[in-house]
């Protein structure tokens, strides 16, 4: 018999900050995704590995891994969040990440797109 999880009140759900921004940077690509924490599903994501973005960057001879690429990924992610009616996210830093360089570029471009950061 499967026991369903308890239903949390709206006040508790708002307090838990259900949408989390997670960023991953490799030597070649920039990835960012927003995860809905209570259900552990990806709400939306953006990556420099996407087919349309790869083609655009190879034509213009731009790097897919530098700070400008991270800013573009943040802008795309922000637009996708607003389309899905997600107005605010909270940021999850990894142990070695600081608000500097690519991390700062993603977060600042999310703010410029109109997404609130909690």
PDB file of N, CA and C in Angstrom:
ATOM      1  N   UNK A   1       0.835  -1.172   0.000  1.00  0.00           N
ATOM      2  CA  UNK A   1       0.000   0.000   0.000  1.00  0.00           C
ATOM      3  C   UNK A   1       0.889   1.246   0.000  1.00  0.00           C
ATOM      4  N   UNK A   2       0.566   2.187  -0.875  1.00  0.00           N
ATOM      5  CA  UNK A   2       1.336   3.411  -1.000  1.00  0.00           C
ATOM      6  C   UNK A   2       0.678   4.501  -0.167  1.00  0.00           C
ATOM      7  N   UNK A   3       1.477   5.127   0.679  1.00  0.00           N
ATOM      8  CA  UNK A   3       0.982   6.211   1.524  1.00  0.00           C
ATOM      9  C   UNK A   3       1.366   7.531   0.869  1.00  0.00           C
ATOM     10  N   UNK A   4       0.377   8.367   0.535  1.00  0.00           N
ATOM     11  CA  UNK A   4       0.721   9.644  -0.103  1.00  0.00           C
ATOM     12  C   UNK A   4       1.403  10.577   0.885  1.00  0.00           C
ATOM     13  N   UNK A   5       2.264  11.484   0.363  1.00  0.00           N
ATOM     14  CA  UNK A   5       2.925  12.426   1.262  1.00  0.00           C
ATOM     15  C   UNK A   5       1.914  13.413   1.838  1.00  0.00           C
ATOM     16  N   UNK A   6       2.200  13.970   2.986  1.00  0.00           N
ATOM     17  CA  UNK A   6       1.260  14.928   3.585  1.00  0.00           C
ATOM     18  C   UNK A   6       1.181  16.204   2.750  1.00  0.00           C
ATOM     19  N   UNK A   7       0.012  16.783   2.716  1.00  0.00           N
ATOM     20  CA  UNK A   7      -0.200  18.014   1.967  1.00  0.00           C
ATOM     21  C   UNK A   7       0.283  19.183   2.811  1.00  0.00           C
ATOM     22  N   UNK A   8       1.179  19.994   2.225  1.00  0.00           N
ATOM     23  CA  UNK A   8       1.725  21.144   2.939  1.00  0.00           C
ATOM     24  C   UNK A   8       0.859  22.372   2.663  1.00  0.00           C
ATOM     25  N   UNK A   9       0.708  23.200   3.649  1.00  0.00           N
ATOM     26  CA  UNK A   9      -0.078  24.410   3.471  1.00  0.00           C
ATOM     27  C   UNK A   9       0.667  25.382   2.560  1.00  0.00           C
ATOM     28  N   UNK A  10      -0.073  26.343   2.025  1.00  0.00           N
ATOM     29  CA  UNK A  10       0.513  27.315   1.102  1.00  0.00           C
ATOM     30  C   UNK A  10       1.596  28.142   1.794  1.00  0.00           C
ATOM     31  N   UNK A  11       1.397  28.456   3.066  1.00  0.00           N
ATOM     32  CA  UNK A  11       2.377  29.247   3.799  1.00  0.00           C
ATOM     33  C   UNK A  11       3.716  28.524   3.893  1.00  0.00           C
ATOM     34  N   UNK A  12       3.668  27.231   4.150  1.00  0.00           N
ATOM     35  CA  UNK A  12       4.896  26.443   4.260  1.00  0.00           C
ATOM     36  C   UNK A  12       5.561  26.307   2.897  1.00  0.00           C
ATOM     37  N   UNK A  13       4.770  26.102   1.856  1.00  0.00           N
ATOM     38  CA  UNK A  13       5.330  25.964   0.518  1.00  0.00           C
ATOM     39  C   UNK A  13       6.015  27.251   0.081  1.00  0.00           C
ATOM     40  N   UNK A  14       5.431  28.396   0.395  1.00  0.00           N
ATOM     41  CA  UNK A  14       6.070  29.671   0.061  1.00  0.00           C
ATOM     42  C   UNK A  14       7.363  29.856   0.848  1.00  0.00           C
ATOM     43  N   UNK A  15       7.375  29.401   2.082  1.00  0.00           N
ATOM     44  CA  UNK A  15       8.557  29.532   2.910  1.00  0.00           C
ATOM     45  C   UNK A  15       9.698  28.657   2.401  1.00  0.00           C
ATOM     46  N   UNK A  16       9.366  27.502   1.826  1.00  0.00           N
ATOM     47  CA  UNK A  16      10.392  26.562   1.382  1.00  0.00           C
ATOM     48  C   UNK A  16      11.067  26.977   0.087  1.00  0.00           C
ATOM     49  N   UNK A  17      10.573  28.014  -0.586  1.00  0.00           N
ATOM     50  CA  UNK A  17      11.147  28.487  -1.846  1.00  0.00           C
ATOM     51  C   UNK A  17      11.220  27.349  -2.855  1.00  0.00           C
ATOM     52  N   UNK A  18      10.094  27.000  -3.440  1.00  0.00           N
ATOM     53  CA  UNK A  18      10.014  25.752  -4.207  1.00  0.00           C
ATOM     54  C   UNK A  18      10.838  25.702  -5.484  1.00  0.00           C
ATOM     55  N   UNK A  19      11.177  26.831  -6.103  1.00  0.00           N
ATOM     56  CA  UNK A  19      11.930  26.792  -7.350  1.00  0.00           C
ATOM     57  C   UNK A  19      13.394  27.132  -7.075  1.00  0.00           C
ATOM     58  N   UNK A  20      14.289  26.225  -7.437  1.00  0.00           N
ATOM     59  CA  UNK A  20      15.711  26.380  -7.175  1.00  0.00           C
ATOM     60  C   UNK A  20      16.479  26.486  -8.487  1.00  0.00           C
ATOM     61  N   UNK A  21      17.359  27.464  -8.589  1.00  0.00           N
ATOM     62  CA  UNK A  21      18.219  27.624  -9.761  1.00  0.00           C
ATOM     63  C   UNK A  21      19.522  26.882  -9.502  1.00  0.00           C
ATOM     64  N   UNK A  22      19.846  25.957 -10.399  1.00  0.00           N
ATOM     65  CA  UNK A  22      21.103  25.222 -10.302  1.00  0.00           C
ATOM     66  C   UNK A  22      21.905  25.465 -11.567  1.00  0.00           C
ATOM     67  N   UNK A  23      23.193  25.725 -11.393  1.00  0.00           N
ATOM     68  CA  UNK A  23      24.069  26.024 -12.524  1.00  0.00           C
ATOM     69  C   UNK A  23      25.213  25.023 -12.564  1.00  0.00           C
ATOM     70  N   UNK A  24      25.614  24.672 -13.769  1.00  0.00           N
ATOM     71  CA  UNK A  24      26.726  23.750 -13.947  1.00  0.00           C
ATOM     72  C   UNK A  24      27.583  24.269 -15.090  1.00  0.00           C
ATOM     73  N   UNK A  25      28.860  24.380 -14.845  1.00  0.00           N
ATOM     74  CA  UNK A  25      29.793  24.895 -15.851  1.00  0.00           C
ATOM     75  C   UNK A  25      30.859  23.845 -16.123  1.00  0.00           C
ATOM     76  N   UNK A  26      31.079  23.535 -17.402  1.00  0.00           N
ATOM     77  CA  UNK A  26      32.155  22.635 -17.784  1.00  0.00           C
ATOM     78  C   UNK A  26      33.175  23.439 -18.576  1.00  0.00           C
ATOM     79  N   UNK A  27      34.200  22.760 -19.045  1.00  0.00           N
ATOM     80  CA  UNK A  27      35.210  23.450 -19.849  1.00  0.00           C
ATOM     81  C   UNK A  27      34.692  23.819 -21.234  1.00  0.00           C
ATOM     82  N   UNK A  28      33.567  23.225 -21.655  1.00  0.00           N
ATOM     83  CA  UNK A  28      33.028  23.502 -22.977  1.00  0.00           C
ATOM     84  C   UNK A  28      31.675  24.197 -22.964  1.00  0.00           C
ATOM     85  N   UNK A  29      30.850  23.964 -21.942  1.00  0.00           N
ATOM     86  CA  UNK A  29      29.461  24.411 -21.982  1.00  0.00           C
ATOM     87  C   UNK A  29      29.025  25.070 -20.676  1.00  0.00           C
ATOM     88  N   UNK A  30      27.884  25.769 -20.778  1.00  0.00           N
ATOM     89  CA  UNK A  30      27.222  26.393 -19.637  1.00  0.00           C
ATOM     90  C   UNK A  30      25.816  25.814 -19.556  1.00  0.00           C
ATOM     91  N   UNK A  31      25.429  25.314 -18.385  1.00  0.00           N
ATOM     92  CA  UNK A  31      24.099  24.744 -18.189  1.00  0.00           C
ATOM     93  C   UNK A  31      23.447  25.393 -16.984  1.00  0.00           C
ATOM     94  N   UNK A  32      22.148  25.668 -17.085  1.00  0.00           N
ATOM     95  CA  UNK A  32      21.390  26.194 -15.954  1.00  0.00           C
ATOM     96  C   UNK A  32      19.995  25.597 -16.016  1.00  0.00           C
ATOM     97  N   UNK A  33      19.473  25.235 -14.850  1.00  0.00           N
ATOM     98  CA  UNK A  33      18.129  24.679 -14.803  1.00  0.00           C
ATOM     99  C   UNK A  33      17.436  25.128 -13.532  1.00  0.00           C
ATOM    100  N   UNK A  34      16.106  25.175 -13.600  1.00  0.00           N
ATOM    101  CA  UNK A  34      15.287  25.512 -12.444  1.00  0.00           C
ATOM    102  C   UNK A  34      14.501  24.272 -12.073  1.00  0.00           C
ATOM    103  N   UNK A  35      14.659  23.846 -10.826  1.00  0.00           N
ATOM    104  CA  UNK A  35      14.048  22.615 -10.340  1.00  0.00           C
ATOM    105  C   UNK A  35      12.930  22.966  -9.376  1.00  0.00           C
ATOM    106  N   UNK A  36      11.784  22.303  -9.534  1.00  0.00           N
ATOM    107  CA  UNK A  36      10.687  22.437  -8.577  1.00  0.00           C
ATOM    108  C   UNK A  36      10.967  21.463  -7.450  1.00  0.00           C
ATOM    109  N   UNK A  37      11.365  21.982  -6.294  1.00  0.00           N
ATOM    110  CA  UNK A  37      11.872  21.155  -5.201  1.00  0.00           C
ATOM    111  C   UNK A  37      10.859  20.170  -4.617  1.00  0.00           C
ATOM    112  N   UNK A  38       9.592  20.553  -4.385  1.00  0.00           N
ATOM    113  CA  UNK A  38       8.676  19.577  -3.796  1.00  0.00           C
ATOM    114  C   UNK A  38       8.439  18.343  -4.662  1.00  0.00           C
ATOM    115  N   UNK A  39       8.454  18.498  -5.982  1.00  0.00           N
ATOM    116  CA  UNK A  39       8.232  17.346  -6.858  1.00  0.00           C
ATOM    117  C   UNK A  39       9.511  16.824  -7.487  1.00  0.00           C
ATOM    118  N   UNK A  40      10.619  17.525  -7.314  1.00  0.00           N
ATOM    119  CA  UNK A  40      11.918  17.141  -7.860  1.00  0.00           C
ATOM    120  C   UNK A  40      11.887  16.990  -9.377  1.00  0.00           C
ATOM    121  N   UNK A  41      11.196  17.895 -10.046  1.00  0.00           N
ATOM    122  CA  UNK A  41      11.156  17.890 -11.500  1.00  0.00           C
ATOM    123  C   UNK A  41      11.778  19.176 -12.024  1.00  0.00           C
ATOM    124  N   UNK A  42      12.287  19.120 -13.229  1.00  0.00           N
ATOM    125  CA  UNK A  42      12.894  20.295 -13.851  1.00  0.00           C
ATOM    126  C   UNK A  42      11.775  21.144 -14.451  1.00  0.00           C
ATOM    127  N   UNK A  43      11.656  22.379 -13.971  1.00  0.00           N
ATOM    128  CA  UNK A  43      10.626  23.280 -14.487  1.00  0.00           C
ATOM    129  C   UNK A  43      11.034  23.806 -15.864  1.00  0.00           C
ATOM    130  N   UNK A  44      12.265  24.258 -15.981  1.00  0.00           N
ATOM    131  CA  UNK A  44      12.794  24.710 -17.268  1.00  0.00           C
ATOM    132  C   UNK A  44      14.322  24.706 -17.198  1.00  0.00           C
ATOM    133  N   UNK A  45      14.944  24.669 -18.352  1.00  0.00           N
ATOM    134  CA  UNK A  45      16.405  24.613 -18.410  1.00  0.00           C
ATOM    135  C   UNK A  45      16.890  25.327 -19.662  1.00  0.00           C
ATOM    136  N   UNK A  46      18.146  25.730 -19.625  1.00  0.00           N
ATOM    137  CA  UNK A  46      18.807  26.330 -20.782  1.00  0.00           C
ATOM    138  C   UNK A  46      20.260  25.878 -20.770  1.00  0.00           C
ATOM    139  N   UNK A  47      20.789  25.619 -21.957  1.00  0.00           N
ATOM    140  CA  UNK A  47      22.152  25.131 -22.055  1.00  0.00           C
ATOM    141  C   UNK A  47      22.775  25.623 -23.352  1.00  0.00           C
ATOM    142  N   UNK A  48      24.075  25.766 -23.339  1.00  0.00           N
ATOM    143  CA  UNK A  48      24.760  26.141 -24.573  1.00  0.00           C
ATOM    144  C   UNK A  48      24.926  24.941 -25.496  1.00  0.00           C
ATOM    145  N   UNK A  49      24.469  23.778 -25.083  1.00  0.00           N
ATOM    146  CA  UNK A  49      24.519  22.584 -25.921  1.00  0.00           C
ATOM    147  C   UNK A  49      23.284  22.435 -26.803  1.00  0.00           C
ATOM    148  N   UNK A  50      22.285  23.286 -26.624  1.00  0.00           N
ATOM    149  CA  UNK A  50      21.072  23.194 -27.421  1.00  0.00           C
ATOM    150  C   UNK A  50      21.392  23.435 -28.887  1.00  0.00           C
ATOM    151  N   UNK A  51      20.676  22.735 -29.745  1.00  0.00           N
ATOM    152  CA  UNK A  51      21.007  22.736 -31.162  1.00  0.00           C
ATOM    153  C   UNK A  51      20.952  24.135 -31.787  1.00  0.00           C
ATOM    154  N   UNK A  52      19.908  24.881 -31.518  1.00  0.00           N
ATOM    155  CA  UNK A  52      19.774  26.220 -32.091  1.00  0.00           C
ATOM    156  C   UNK A  52      20.869  27.167 -31.627  1.00  0.00           C
ATOM    157  N   UNK A  53      21.229  27.067 -30.364  1.00  0.00           N
ATOM    158  CA  UNK A  53      22.272  27.934 -29.831  1.00  0.00           C
ATOM    159  C   UNK A  53      23.645  27.550 -30.363  1.00  0.00           C
ATOM    160  N   UNK A  54      23.900  26.259 -30.481  1.00  0.00           N
ATOM    161  CA  UNK A  54      25.197  25.810 -31.008  1.00  0.00           C
ATOM    162  C   UNK A  54      25.410  26.324 -32.420  1.00  0.00           C
ATOM    163  N   UNK A  55      24.375  26.222 -33.259  1.00  0.00           N
ATOM    164  CA  UNK A  55      24.499  26.671 -34.639  1.00  0.00           C
ATOM    165  C   UNK A  55      24.739  28.178 -34.719  1.00  0.00           C
ATOM    166  N   UNK A  56      24.040  28.933 -33.873  1.00  0.00           N
ATOM    167  CA  UNK A  56      24.216  30.388 -33.884  1.00  0.00           C
ATOM    168  C   UNK A  56      25.625  30.768 -33.432  1.00  0.00           C
ATOM    169  N   UNK A  57      26.129  30.093 -32.404  1.00  0.00           N
ATOM    170  CA  UNK A  57      27.452  30.428 -31.894  1.00  0.00           C
ATOM    171  C   UNK A  57      28.569  29.998 -32.845  1.00  0.00           C
ATOM    172  N   UNK A  58      28.404  28.884 -33.532  1.00  0.00           N
ATOM    173  CA  UNK A  58      29.455  28.465 -34.453  1.00  0.00           C
ATOM    174  C   UNK A  58      29.501  29.378 -35.679  1.00  0.00           C
ATOM    175  N   UNK A  59      28.355  29.895 -36.098  1.00  0.00           N
ATOM    176  CA  UNK A  59      28.350  30.818 -37.232  1.00  0.00           C
ATOM    177  C   UNK A  59      29.023  32.139 -36.875  1.00  0.00           C
ATOM    178  N   UNK A  60      28.823  32.609 -35.650  1.00  0.00           N
ATOM    179  CA  UNK A  60      29.389  33.896 -35.261  1.00  0.00           C
ATOM    180  C   UNK A  60      30.759  33.752 -34.604  1.00  0.00           C
ATOM    181  N   UNK A  61      31.290  32.537 -34.525  1.00  0.00           N
ATOM    182  CA  UNK A  61      32.629  32.268 -33.979  1.00  0.00           C
ATOM    183  C   UNK A  61      32.774  32.711 -32.528  1.00  0.00           C
ATOM    184  N   UNK A  62      31.702  32.568 -31.748  1.00  0.00           N
ATOM    185  CA  UNK A  62      31.749  32.917 -30.331  1.00  0.00           C
ATOM    186  C   UNK A  62      31.967  31.668 -29.497  1.00  0.00           C
ATOM    187  N   UNK A  63      32.503  31.851 -28.315  1.00  0.00           N
ATOM    188  CA  UNK A  63      32.738  30.740 -27.403  1.00  0.00           C
ATOM    189  C   UNK A  63      31.439  30.365 -26.696  1.00  0.00           C
ATOM    190  N   UNK A  64      31.265  29.088 -26.421  1.00  0.00           N
ATOM    191  CA  UNK A  64      30.074  28.601 -25.734  1.00  0.00           C
ATOM    192  C   UNK A  64      30.327  28.399 -24.250  1.00  0.00           C
ATOM    193  N   UNK A  65      31.435  28.912 -23.733  1.00  0.00           N
ATOM    194  CA  UNK A  65      31.776  28.631 -22.344  1.00  0.00           C
ATOM    195  C   UNK A  65      32.208  29.847 -21.536  1.00  0.00           C
ATOM    196  N   UNK A  66      32.272  31.026 -22.142  1.00  0.00           N
ATOM    197  CA  UNK A  66      32.780  32.178 -21.418  1.00  0.00           C
ATOM    198  C   UNK A  66      31.652  32.945 -20.722  1.00  0.00           C
ATOM    199  N   UNK A  67      31.982  34.099 -20.190  1.00  0.00           N
ATOM    200  CA  UNK A  67      31.033  34.888 -19.407  1.00  0.00           C
ATOM    201  C   UNK A  67      29.886  35.398 -20.278  1.00  0.00           C
ATOM    202  N   UNK A  68      30.170  35.782 -21.509  1.00  0.00           N
ATOM    203  CA  UNK A  68      29.094  36.266 -22.379  1.00  0.00           C
ATOM    204  C   UNK A  68      28.105  35.152 -22.714  1.00  0.00           C
ATOM    205  N   UNK A  69      28.592  33.927 -22.866  1.00  0.00           N
ATOM    206  CA  UNK A  69      27.697  32.794 -23.097  1.00  0.00           C
ATOM    207  C   UNK A  69      26.834  32.535 -21.867  1.00  0.00           C
ATOM    208  N   UNK A  70      27.415  32.674 -20.679  1.00  0.00           N
ATOM    209  CA  UNK A  70      26.652  32.489 -19.444  1.00  0.00           C
ATOM    210  C   UNK A  70      25.560  33.557 -19.335  1.00  0.00           C
ATOM    211  N   UNK A  71      25.851  34.779 -19.750  1.00  0.00           N
ATOM    212  CA  UNK A  71      24.846  35.839 -19.713  1.00  0.00           C
ATOM    213  C   UNK A  71      23.695  35.536 -20.671  1.00  0.00           C
ATOM    214  N   UNK A  72      24.022  35.030 -21.853  1.00  0.00           N
ATOM    215  CA  UNK A  72      22.969  34.681 -22.816  1.00  0.00           C
ATOM    216  C   UNK A  72      22.108  33.536 -22.303  1.00  0.00           C
ATOM    217  N   UNK A  73      22.722  32.555 -21.668  1.00  0.00           N
ATOM    218  CA  UNK A  73      21.971  31.430 -21.109  1.00  0.00           C
ATOM    219  C   UNK A  73      21.037  31.928 -20.010  1.00  0.00           C
ATOM    220  N   UNK A  74      21.514  32.842 -19.167  1.00  0.00           N
ATOM    221  CA  UNK A  74      20.664  33.414 -18.129  1.00  0.00           C
ATOM    222  C   UNK A  74      19.485  34.180 -18.702  1.00  0.00           C
ATOM    223  N   UNK A  75      19.722  34.912 -19.778  1.00  0.00           N
ATOM    224  CA  UNK A  75      18.645  35.673 -20.416  1.00  0.00           C
ATOM    225  C   UNK A  75      17.596  34.728 -21.003  1.00  0.00           C
ATOM    226  N   UNK A  76      18.046  33.676 -21.673  1.00  0.00           N
ATOM    227  CA  UNK A  76      17.122  32.698 -22.256  1.00  0.00           C
ATOM    228  C   UNK A  76      16.329  31.998 -21.159  1.00  0.00           C
ATOM    229  N   UNK A  77      17.008  31.623 -20.078  1.00  0.00           N
ATOM    230  CA  UNK A  77      16.340  30.952 -18.964  1.00  0.00           C
ATOM    231  C   UNK A  77      15.304  31.870 -18.317  1.00  0.00           C
ATOM    232  N   UNK A  78      15.638  33.145 -18.169  1.00  0.00           N
ATOM    233  CA  UNK A  78      14.696  34.103 -17.603  1.00  0.00           C
ATOM    234  C   UNK A  78      13.439  34.246 -18.454  1.00  0.00           C
ATOM    235  N   UNK A  79      13.601  34.300 -19.765  1.00  0.00           N
ATOM    236  CA  UNK A  79      12.447  34.395 -20.654  1.00  0.00           C
ATOM    237  C   UNK A  79      11.582  33.146 -20.558  1.00  0.00           C
ATOM    238  N   UNK A  80      12.209  31.978 -20.470  1.00  0.00           N
ATOM    239  CA  UNK A  80      11.448  30.738 -20.355  1.00  0.00           C
ATOM    240  C   UNK A  80      10.708  30.653 -19.024  1.00  0.00           C
ATOM    241  N   UNK A  81      11.315  31.179 -17.965  1.00  0.00           N
ATOM    242  CA  UNK A  81      10.648  31.189 -16.662  1.00  0.00           C
ATOM    243  C   UNK A  81       9.414  32.079 -16.684  1.00  0.00           C
ATOM    244  N   UNK A  82       9.519  33.249 -17.299  1.00  0.00           N
ATOM    245  CA  UNK A  82       8.379  34.153 -17.351  1.00  0.00           C
ATOM    246  C   UNK A  82       7.257  33.600 -18.218  1.00  0.00           C
ATOM    247  N   UNK A  83       7.594  32.847 -19.258  1.00  0.00           N
ATOM    248  CA  UNK A  83       6.568  32.210 -20.082  1.00  0.00           C
ATOM    249  C   UNK A  83       5.808  31.163 -19.270  1.00  0.00           C
ATOM    250  N   UNK A  84       6.499  30.461 -18.385  1.00  0.00           N
ATOM    251  CA  UNK A  84       5.862  29.434 -17.549  1.00  0.00           C
ATOM    252  C   UNK A  84       5.274  30.006 -16.260  1.00  0.00           C
ATOM    253  N   UNK A  85       5.225  31.320 -16.115  1.00  0.00           N
ATOM    254  CA  UNK A  85       4.663  32.003 -14.942  1.00  0.00           C
ATOM    255  C   UNK A  85       5.374  31.624 -13.655  1.00  0.00           C
ATOM    256  N   UNK A  86       6.688  31.615 -13.690  1.00  0.00           N
ATOM    257  CA  UNK A  86       7.501  31.415 -12.484  1.00  0.00           C
ATOM    258  C   UNK A  86       8.217  32.742 -12.230  1.00  0.00           C
ATOM    259  N   UNK A  87       7.694  33.560 -11.299  1.00  0.00           N
ATOM    260  CA  UNK A  87       8.243  34.902 -11.130  1.00  0.00           C
ATOM    261  C   UNK A  87       9.492  34.981 -10.262  1.00  0.00           C
ATOM    262  N   UNK A  88       9.744  33.952  -9.427  1.00  0.00           N
ATOM    263  CA  UNK A  88      10.867  34.041  -8.493  1.00  0.00           C
ATOM    264  C   UNK A  88      11.522  32.678  -8.317  1.00  0.00           C
ATOM    265  N   UNK A  89      12.839  32.690  -8.148  1.00  0.00           N
ATOM    266  CA  UNK A  89      13.601  31.464  -7.882  1.00  0.00           C
ATOM    267  C   UNK A  89      14.620  31.761  -6.789  1.00  0.00           C
ATOM    268  N   UNK A  90      15.077  30.720  -6.128  1.00  0.00           N
ATOM    269  CA  UNK A  90      16.182  30.884  -5.193  1.00  0.00           C
ATOM    270  C   UNK A  90      17.402  30.188  -5.779  1.00  0.00           C
ATOM    271  N   UNK A  91      18.562  30.716  -5.469  1.00  0.00           N
ATOM    272  CA  UNK A  91      19.807  30.242  -6.072  1.00  0.00           C
ATOM    273  C   UNK A  91      20.467  29.221  -5.159  1.00  0.00           C
ATOM    274  N   UNK A  92      20.938  28.132  -5.751  1.00  0.00           N
ATOM    275  CA  UNK A  92      21.683  27.107  -5.020  1.00  0.00           C
ATOM    276  C   UNK A  92      23.117  27.153  -5.525  1.00  0.00           C
ATOM    277  N   UNK A  93      24.031  27.491  -4.635  1.00  0.00           N
ATOM    278  CA  UNK A  93      25.447  27.513  -4.987  1.00  0.00           C
ATOM    279  C   UNK A  93      26.080  26.176  -4.641  1.00  0.00           C
ATOM    280  N   UNK A  94      26.989  25.729  -5.473  1.00  0.00           N
ATOM    281  CA  UNK A  94      27.803  24.580  -5.099  1.00  0.00           C
ATOM    282  C   UNK A  94      28.895  25.058  -4.147  1.00  0.00           C
ATOM    283  N   UNK A  95      29.625  24.124  -3.587  1.00  0.00           N
ATOM    284  CA  UNK A  95      30.612  24.471  -2.574  1.00  0.00           C
ATOM    285  C   UNK A  95      31.702  25.400  -3.120  1.00  0.00           C
ATOM    286  N   UNK A  96      32.096  25.213  -4.367  1.00  0.00           N
ATOM    287  CA  UNK A  96      33.198  25.996  -4.911  1.00  0.00           C
ATOM    288  C   UNK A  96      32.730  27.205  -5.729  1.00  0.00           C
ATOM    289  N   UNK A  97      31.427  27.474  -5.790  1.00  0.00           N
ATOM    290  CA  UNK A  97      30.937  28.605  -6.565  1.00  0.00           C
ATOM    291  C   UNK A  97      30.799  29.844  -5.692  1.00  0.00           C
ATOM    292  N   UNK A  98      31.159  30.974  -6.271  1.00  0.00           N
ATOM    293  CA  UNK A  98      30.984  32.265  -5.622  1.00  0.00           C
ATOM    294  C   UNK A  98      30.272  33.190  -6.598  1.00  0.00           C
ATOM    295  N   UNK A  99      29.766  34.286  -6.098  1.00  0.00           N
ATOM    296  CA  UNK A  99      29.089  35.267  -6.941  1.00  0.00           C
ATOM    297  C   UNK A  99      30.154  36.038  -7.710  1.00  0.00           C
ATOM    298  N   UNK A 100      30.658  35.412  -8.771  1.00  0.00           N
ATOM    299  CA  UNK A 100      31.769  35.968  -9.520  1.00  0.00           C
ATOM    300  C   UNK A 100      31.790  35.317 -10.897  1.00  0.00           C
ATOM    301  N   UNK A 101      32.165  36.040 -11.916  1.00  0.00           N
ATOM    302  CA  UNK A 101      32.366  35.487 -13.247  1.00  0.00           C
ATOM    303  C   UNK A 101      31.085  34.964 -13.878  1.00  0.00           C
ATOM    304  N   UNK A 102      31.075  33.692 -14.270  1.00  0.00           N
ATOM    305  CA  UNK A 102      29.944  33.087 -14.964  1.00  0.00           C
ATOM    306  C   UNK A 102      28.702  33.030 -14.084  1.00  0.00           C
ATOM    307  N   UNK A 103      28.887  32.736 -12.803  1.00  0.00           N
ATOM    308  CA  UNK A 103      27.748  32.684 -11.878  1.00  0.00           C
ATOM    309  C   UNK A 103      27.081  34.052 -11.812  1.00  0.00           C
ATOM    310  N   UNK A 104      27.878  35.084 -11.707  1.00  0.00           N
ATOM    311  CA  UNK A 104      27.345  36.441 -11.649  1.00  0.00           C
ATOM    312  C   UNK A 104      26.639  36.807 -12.954  1.00  0.00           C
ATOM    313  N   UNK A 105      27.191  36.385 -14.084  1.00  0.00           N
ATOM    314  CA  UNK A 105      26.587  36.696 -15.378  1.00  0.00           C
ATOM    315  C   UNK A 105      25.204  36.056 -15.503  1.00  0.00           C
ATOM    316  N   UNK A 106      25.067  34.798 -15.086  1.00  0.00           N
ATOM    317  CA  UNK A 106      23.772  34.116 -15.160  1.00  0.00           C
ATOM    318  C   UNK A 106      22.763  34.806 -14.247  1.00  0.00           C
ATOM    319  N   UNK A 107      23.160  35.093 -13.021  1.00  0.00           N
ATOM    320  CA  UNK A 107      22.239  35.679 -12.053  1.00  0.00           C
ATOM    321  C   UNK A 107      21.834  37.094 -12.453  1.00  0.00           C
ATOM    322  N   UNK A 108      22.772  37.898 -12.909  1.00  0.00           N
ATOM    323  CA  UNK A 108      22.448  39.269 -13.313  1.00  0.00           C
ATOM    324  C   UNK A 108      21.528  39.292 -14.531  1.00  0.00           C
ATOM    325  N   UNK A 109      21.747  38.402 -15.484  1.00  0.00           N
ATOM    326  CA  UNK A 109      20.881  38.389 -16.662  1.00  0.00           C
ATOM    327  C   UNK A 109      19.487  37.862 -16.317  1.00  0.00           C
ATOM    328  N   UNK A 110      19.383  36.990 -15.315  1.00  0.00           N
ATOM    329  CA  UNK A 110      18.058  36.574 -14.836  1.00  0.00           C
ATOM    330  C   UNK A 110      17.320  37.767 -14.231  1.00  0.00           C
ATOM    331  N   UNK A 111      18.029  38.563 -13.437  1.00  0.00           N
ATOM    332  CA  UNK A 111      17.416  39.760 -12.837  1.00  0.00           C
ATOM    333  C   UNK A 111      16.956  40.732 -13.923  1.00  0.00           C
ATOM    334  N   UNK A 112      17.794  40.925 -14.946  1.00  0.00           N
ATOM    335  CA  UNK A 112      17.440  41.841 -16.028  1.00  0.00           C
ATOM    336  C   UNK A 112      16.233  41.345 -16.821  1.00  0.00           C
ATOM    337  N   UNK A 113      16.047  40.031 -16.891  1.00  0.00           N
ATOM    338  CA  UNK A 113      14.900  39.465 -17.595  1.00  0.00           C
ATOM    339  C   UNK A 113      13.613  39.666 -16.816  1.00  0.00           C
ATOM    340  N   UNK A 114      13.710  39.966 -15.503  1.00  0.00           N
ATOM    341  CA  UNK A 114      12.508  40.239 -14.716  1.00  0.00           C
ATOM    342  C   UNK A 114      12.182  39.163 -13.694  1.00  0.00           C
ATOM    343  N   UNK A 115      13.095  38.245 -13.457  1.00  0.00           N
ATOM    344  CA  UNK A 115      12.870  37.187 -12.465  1.00  0.00           C
ATOM    345  C   UNK A 115      13.429  37.648 -11.132  1.00  0.00           C
ATOM    346  N   UNK A 116      12.653  37.474 -10.069  1.00  0.00           N
ATOM    347  CA  UNK A 116      13.120  37.840  -8.733  1.00  0.00           C
ATOM    348  C   UNK A 116      13.967  36.702  -8.181  1.00  0.00           C
ATOM    349  N   UNK A 117      15.006  37.065  -7.451  1.00  0.00           N
ATOM    350  CA  UNK A 117      15.845  36.066  -6.789  1.00  0.00           C
ATOM    351  C   UNK A 117      15.621  36.149  -5.291  1.00  0.00           C
ATOM    352  N   UNK A 118      15.338  35.004  -4.707  1.00  0.00           N
ATOM    353  CA  UNK A 118      15.050  34.955  -3.268  1.00  0.00           C
ATOM    354  C   UNK A 118      16.293  34.599  -2.491  1.00  0.00           C
TER     355      UNK A 118
END
